[in-house]
Amino acid sequence: EVYKVLLQLAETINLVAPGGEPVPVTRLKPGDEVLIYVEKGGRHFGMKVEETVVER
């Protein structure tokens, strides 16, 4: 499946590569693979928040 996310462009925001190493958002390139965890709602500074986004 394909998922879309909104991420802040900052050195302090990291994702996780399949090998477990952190990947800064600022170093992501098209085609890079990262691990995801699907849950309802979202996160802000690591804290779970209940929000929705409506794309138009």
PDB file of N, CA and C in Angstrom:
ATOM      1  N   GLU A   1       0.829  -1.183   0.000  1.00  0.00           N
ATOM      2  CA  GLU A   1       0.000   0.000   0.000  1.00  0.00           C
ATOM      3  C   GLU A   1       0.872   1.244   0.000  1.00  0.00           C
ATOM      4  N   VAL A   2       0.304   2.338  -0.451  1.00  0.00           N
ATOM      5  CA  VAL A   2       0.996   3.619  -0.457  1.00  0.00           C
ATOM      6  C   VAL A   2       0.331   4.525   0.567  1.00  0.00           C
ATOM      7  N   TYR A   3       1.128   5.153   1.413  1.00  0.00           N
ATOM      8  CA  TYR A   3       0.626   6.078   2.423  1.00  0.00           C
ATOM      9  C   TYR A   3       1.218   7.451   2.182  1.00  0.00           C
ATOM     10  N   LYS A   4       0.480   8.482   2.559  1.00  0.00           N
ATOM     11  CA  LYS A   4       0.964   9.857   2.457  1.00  0.00           C
ATOM     12  C   LYS A   4       1.010  10.452   3.849  1.00  0.00           C
ATOM     13  N   VAL A   5       2.063  11.216   4.121  1.00  0.00           N
ATOM     14  CA  VAL A   5       2.207  11.870   5.422  1.00  0.00           C
ATOM     15  C   VAL A   5       2.687  13.298   5.235  1.00  0.00           C
ATOM     16  N   LEU A   6       2.417  14.122   6.216  1.00  0.00           N
ATOM     17  CA  LEU A   6       2.955  15.478   6.257  1.00  0.00           C
ATOM     18  C   LEU A   6       4.025  15.495   7.332  1.00  0.00           C
ATOM     19  N   LEU A   7       5.222  15.938   6.975  1.00  0.00           N
ATOM     20  CA  LEU A   7       6.323  15.980   7.930  1.00  0.00           C
ATOM     21  C   LEU A   7       6.955  17.360   7.930  1.00  0.00           C
ATOM     22  N   GLN A   8       7.354  17.803   9.094  1.00  0.00           N
ATOM     23  CA  GLN A   8       8.076  19.066   9.204  1.00  0.00           C
ATOM     24  C   GLN A   8       9.484  18.863   8.653  1.00  0.00           C
ATOM     25  N   LEU A   9       9.951  19.794   7.854  1.00  0.00           N
ATOM     26  CA  LEU A   9      11.295  19.707   7.286  1.00  0.00           C
ATOM     27  C   LEU A   9      12.291  20.270   8.297  1.00  0.00           C
ATOM     28  N   ALA A  10      12.832  19.383   9.134  1.00  0.00           N
ATOM     29  CA  ALA A  10      13.766  19.797  10.182  1.00  0.00           C
ATOM     30  C   ALA A  10      14.708  18.644  10.501  1.00  0.00           C
ATOM     31  N   GLU A  11      15.943  18.957  10.857  1.00  0.00           N
ATOM     32  CA  GLU A  11      16.936  17.938  11.226  1.00  0.00           C
ATOM     33  C   GLU A  11      16.476  17.106  12.419  1.00  0.00           C
ATOM     34  N   THR A  12      15.609  17.660  13.250  1.00  0.00           N
ATOM     35  CA  THR A  12      15.180  16.960  14.464  1.00  0.00           C
ATOM     36  C   THR A  12      14.077  15.943  14.216  1.00  0.00           C
ATOM     37  N   ILE A  13      13.512  15.910  13.002  1.00  0.00           N
ATOM     38  CA  ILE A  13      12.456  14.952  12.671  1.00  0.00           C
ATOM     39  C   ILE A  13      13.106  13.761  11.975  1.00  0.00           C
ATOM     40  N   ASN A  14      12.969  12.578  12.578  1.00  0.00           N
ATOM     41  CA  ASN A  14      13.575  11.367  12.030  1.00  0.00           C
ATOM     42  C   ASN A  14      12.524  10.300  11.770  1.00  0.00           C
ATOM     43  N   LEU A  15      12.756   9.521  10.732  1.00  0.00           N
ATOM     44  CA  LEU A  15      11.993   8.315  10.464  1.00  0.00           C
ATOM     45  C   LEU A  15      12.939   7.149  10.719  1.00  0.00           C
ATOM     46  N   VAL A  16      12.441   5.929  10.534  1.00  0.00           N
ATOM     47  CA  VAL A  16      13.275   4.753  10.794  1.00  0.00           C
ATOM     48  C   VAL A  16      13.403   3.934   9.515  1.00  0.00           C
ATOM     49  N   ALA A  17      14.636   3.622   9.139  1.00  0.00           N
ATOM     50  CA  ALA A  17      14.900   2.792   7.963  1.00  0.00           C
ATOM     51  C   ALA A  17      14.630   1.328   8.308  1.00  0.00           C
ATOM     52  N   PRO A  18      14.445   0.467   7.289  1.00  0.00           N
ATOM     53  CA  PRO A  18      14.183  -0.951   7.547  1.00  0.00           C
ATOM     54  C   PRO A  18      15.224  -1.624   8.450  1.00  0.00           C
ATOM     55  N   GLY A  19      16.460  -1.154   8.451  1.00  0.00           N
ATOM     56  CA  GLY A  19      17.496  -1.734   9.306  1.00  0.00           C
ATOM     57  C   GLY A  19      17.468  -1.222  10.736  1.00  0.00           C
ATOM     58  N   GLY A  20      16.562  -0.267  11.022  1.00  0.00           N
ATOM     59  CA  GLY A  20      16.427   0.263  12.372  1.00  0.00           C
ATOM     60  C   GLY A  20      17.153   1.569  12.622  1.00  0.00           C
ATOM     61  N   GLU A  21      17.937   2.034  11.659  1.00  0.00           N
ATOM     62  CA  GLU A  21      18.679   3.275  11.864  1.00  0.00           C
ATOM     63  C   GLU A  21      17.784   4.492  11.590  1.00  0.00           C
ATOM     64  N   PRO A  22      18.014   5.597  12.322  1.00  0.00           N
ATOM     65  CA  PRO A  22      17.223   6.807  12.096  1.00  0.00           C
ATOM     66  C   PRO A  22      17.582   7.465  10.767  1.00  0.00           C
ATOM     67  N   VAL A  23      16.582   8.052  10.123  1.00  0.00           N
ATOM     68  CA  VAL A  23      16.789   8.762   8.864  1.00  0.00           C
ATOM     69  C   VAL A  23      16.183  10.159   9.018  1.00  0.00           C
ATOM     70  N   PRO A  24      17.015  11.211   9.054  1.00  0.00           N
ATOM     71  CA  PRO A  24      16.467  12.565   9.148  1.00  0.00           C
ATOM     72  C   PRO A  24      15.617  12.891   7.915  1.00  0.00           C
ATOM     73  N   VAL A  25      14.508  13.554   8.128  1.00  0.00           N
ATOM     74  CA  VAL A  25      13.626  13.943   7.024  1.00  0.00           C
ATOM     75  C   VAL A  25      14.401  14.737   5.976  1.00  0.00           C
ATOM     76  N   THR A  26      15.352  15.536   6.416  1.00  0.00           N
ATOM     77  CA  THR A  26      16.117  16.377   5.495  1.00  0.00           C
ATOM     78  C   THR A  26      17.017  15.573   4.563  1.00  0.00           C
ATOM     79  N   ARG A  27      17.209  14.284   4.839  1.00  0.00           N
ATOM     80  CA  ARG A  27      18.063  13.447   3.984  1.00  0.00           C
ATOM     81  C   ARG A  27      17.271  12.446   3.148  1.00  0.00           C
ATOM     82  N   LEU A  28      15.949  12.478   3.238  1.00  0.00           N
ATOM     83  CA  LEU A  28      15.132  11.546   2.454  1.00  0.00           C
ATOM     84  C   LEU A  28      15.216  11.878   0.972  1.00  0.00           C
ATOM     85  N   LYS A  29      15.250  10.820   0.160  1.00  0.00           N
ATOM     86  CA  LYS A  29      15.264  10.974  -1.290  1.00  0.00           C
ATOM     87  C   LYS A  29      14.136  10.128  -1.872  1.00  0.00           C
ATOM     88  N   PRO A  30      13.636  10.478  -3.051  1.00  0.00           N
ATOM     89  CA  PRO A  30      12.612   9.637  -3.688  1.00  0.00           C
ATOM     90  C   PRO A  30      13.098   8.193  -3.790  1.00  0.00           C
ATOM     91  N   GLY A  31      12.252   7.264  -3.403  1.00  0.00           N
ATOM     92  CA  GLY A  31      12.595   5.849  -3.464  1.00  0.00           C
ATOM     93  C   GLY A  31      13.124   5.283  -2.156  1.00  0.00           C
ATOM     94  N   ASP A  32      13.489   6.153  -1.184  1.00  0.00           N
ATOM     95  CA  ASP A  32      13.933   5.658   0.121  1.00  0.00           C
ATOM     96  C   ASP A  32      12.790   4.901   0.789  1.00  0.00           C
ATOM     97  N   GLU A  33      13.115   3.839   1.501  1.00  0.00           N
ATOM     98  CA  GLU A  33      12.105   3.080   2.234  1.00  0.00           C
ATOM     99  C   GLU A  33      12.238   3.368   3.717  1.00  0.00           C
ATOM    100  N   VAL A  34      11.097   3.537   4.374  1.00  0.00           N
ATOM    101  CA  VAL A  34      11.065   3.761   5.818  1.00  0.00           C
ATOM    102  C   VAL A  34       9.976   2.884   6.420  1.00  0.00           C
ATOM    103  N   LEU A  35      10.102   2.620   7.706  1.00  0.00           N
ATOM    104  CA  LEU A  35       9.090   1.842   8.411  1.00  0.00           C
ATOM    105  C   LEU A  35       7.960   2.764   8.850  1.00  0.00           C
ATOM    106  N   ILE A  36       6.744   2.213   8.896  1.00  0.00           N
ATOM    107  CA  ILE A  36       5.607   2.999   9.371  1.00  0.00           C
ATOM    108  C   ILE A  36       4.821   2.185  10.386  1.00  0.00           C
ATOM    109  N   TYR A  37       4.071   2.890  11.200  1.00  0.00           N
ATOM    110  CA  TYR A  37       3.133   2.278  12.135  1.00  0.00           C
ATOM    111  C   TYR A  37       1.820   2.997  11.911  1.00  0.00           C
ATOM    112  N   VAL A  38       0.802   2.270  11.471  1.00  0.00           N
ATOM    113  CA  VAL A  38      -0.477   2.882  11.134  1.00  0.00           C
ATOM    114  C   VAL A  38      -1.360   2.907  12.379  1.00  0.00           C
ATOM    115  N   GLU A  39      -1.821   4.106  12.732  1.00  0.00           N
ATOM    116  CA  GLU A  39      -2.742   4.257  13.849  1.00  0.00           C
ATOM    117  C   GLU A  39      -3.692   5.403  13.545  1.00  0.00           C
ATOM    118  N   LYS A  40      -4.803   5.443  14.237  1.00  0.00           N
ATOM    119  CA  LYS A  40      -5.777   6.506  14.033  1.00  0.00           C
ATOM    120  C   LYS A  40      -5.286   7.775  14.728  1.00  0.00           C
ATOM    121  N   GLY A  41      -5.551   8.926  14.127  1.00  0.00           N
ATOM    122  CA  GLY A  41      -5.099  10.185  14.702  1.00  0.00           C
ATOM    123  C   GLY A  41      -3.712  10.523  14.196  1.00  0.00           C
ATOM    124  N   GLY A  42      -2.991  11.305  14.947  1.00  0.00           N
ATOM    125  CA  GLY A  42      -1.653  11.704  14.550  1.00  0.00           C
ATOM    126  C   GLY A  42      -0.778  11.931  15.763  1.00  0.00           C
ATOM    127  N   ARG A  43       0.408  12.464  15.524  1.00  0.00           N
ATOM    128  CA  ARG A  43       1.342  12.748  16.620  1.00  0.00           C
ATOM    129  C   ARG A  43       1.934  14.134  16.424  1.00  0.00           C
ATOM    130  N   HIS A  44       2.177  14.797  17.528  1.00  0.00           N
ATOM    131  CA  HIS A  44       2.826  16.108  17.529  1.00  0.00           C
ATOM    132  C   HIS A  44       3.867  16.069  18.629  1.00  0.00           C
ATOM    133  N   PHE A  45       5.133  16.231  18.274  1.00  0.00           N
ATOM    134  CA  PHE A  45       6.243  16.082  19.222  1.00  0.00           C
ATOM    135  C   PHE A  45       6.169  14.736  19.941  1.00  0.00           C
ATOM    136  N   GLY A  46       5.742  13.698  19.217  1.00  0.00           N
ATOM    137  CA  GLY A  46       5.675  12.358  19.781  1.00  0.00           C
ATOM    138  C   GLY A  46       4.439  12.069  20.612  1.00  0.00           C
ATOM    139  N   MET A  47       3.633  13.086  20.877  1.00  0.00           N
ATOM    140  CA  MET A  47       2.421  12.904  21.675  1.00  0.00           C
ATOM    141  C   MET A  47       1.239  12.635  20.744  1.00  0.00           C
ATOM    142  N   LYS A  48       0.419  11.647  21.096  1.00  0.00           N
ATOM    143  CA  LYS A  48      -0.735  11.307  20.274  1.00  0.00           C
ATOM    144  C   LYS A  48      -1.769  12.429  20.334  1.00  0.00           C
ATOM    145  N   VAL A  49      -2.290  12.818  19.165  1.00  0.00           N
ATOM    146  CA  VAL A  49      -3.332  13.844  19.077  1.00  0.00           C
ATOM    147  C   VAL A  49      -4.451  13.321  18.189  1.00  0.00           C
ATOM    148  N   GLU A  50      -5.659  13.744  18.464  1.00  0.00           N
ATOM    149  CA  GLU A  50      -6.807  13.373  17.638  1.00  0.00           C
ATOM    150  C   GLU A  50      -7.113  14.545  16.716  1.00  0.00           C
ATOM    151  N   GLU A  51      -6.801  14.396  15.440  1.00  0.00           N
ATOM    152  CA  GLU A  51      -7.047  15.430  14.444  1.00  0.00           C
ATOM    153  C   GLU A  51      -7.457  14.776  13.142  1.00  0.00           C
ATOM    154  N   THR A  52      -8.026  15.564  12.278  1.00  0.00           N
ATOM    155  CA  THR A  52      -8.313  15.099  10.928  1.00  0.00           C
ATOM    156  C   THR A  52      -7.869  16.175   9.947  1.00  0.00           C
ATOM    157  N   VAL A  53      -7.545  15.754   8.743  1.00  0.00           N
ATOM    158  CA  VAL A  53      -7.164  16.669   7.677  1.00  0.00           C
ATOM    159  C   VAL A  53      -8.064  16.375   6.493  1.00  0.00           C
ATOM    160  N   VAL A  54      -8.667  17.411   5.949  1.00  0.00           N
ATOM    161  CA  VAL A  54      -9.519  17.256   4.778  1.00  0.00           C
ATOM    162  C   VAL A  54      -8.791  17.880   3.597  1.00  0.00           C
ATOM    163  N   GLU A  55      -8.463  17.056   2.603  1.00  0.00           N
ATOM    164  CA  GLU A  55      -7.804  17.568   1.402  1.00  0.00           C
ATOM    165  C   GLU A  55      -8.869  17.947   0.393  1.00  0.00           C
ATOM    166  N   ARG A  56      -8.697  19.084  -0.231  1.00  0.00           N
ATOM    167  CA  ARG A  56      -9.668  19.543  -1.241  1.00  0.00           C
ATOM    168  C   ARG A  56      -8.991  19.749  -2.558  1.00  0.00           C
TER     169      ARG A  56
END
